């Protein structure tokens, strides 16, 4: 008899949770985790390109040590932020991470702009290949960020609505942090990054940082 009542209780709980949006919350929660992991993967891909890019321009840009140092230091700062693909960060951690990524994006933008003053560097096959890889990575970062922002907004909205807010509280689901969305409209549009003129379009990873201005022609 106890077993019967136990089974009935479990069945009723399952029906209750299903009717109160548990499955939907769980689905959105998994989507947010997947989007976060992909966003970190793309940011890491950009960070991995930095040493190669710096090495490729080092011989040509001997008079641009300040620019190269800024890129290197920005990458180091990104690496110092403790964050994991397996766990959604706190709002404070996300803000620190976003600030570090914004700094790196701005430094890279300036480096690419300054490289326009060096025709031999622009003609270098390795640099051109790395530049193309960076363009593609910036676009993938923008896409991944856009997906994360959209999924977090959907999740946070759902767990604040009745009756799903009851299920969320019972099951321990909490509001998740999101990237700053002052430029959300740009992030959500189909991104395109072009560095061939020293400027970028819809540079989501650089956050609100203004595009670097090309240095005067030599």
Foldseek 3Di string as FASTA:
>chain_A
DVVVVVVVVVVVVVVVCVVFCVVVLVVLVVLLLVLLLQLVVLLVLLLVLLVVLCVLCCVPPVVPVVLNVQLVVLSVQLVVLDDDSRDFDAQVSLVSNLQSLLSNVQSVLQVLLQCVQGVVSCVDPSNVVSVVVNQVSQQSSLQSLLSNQVSLVVSQVSCVDPPNVVVCVVVVNDRGHHDDCPVNVLSNPNAGFDSPNSFTGSRPSSPPDHRDHHDDHD
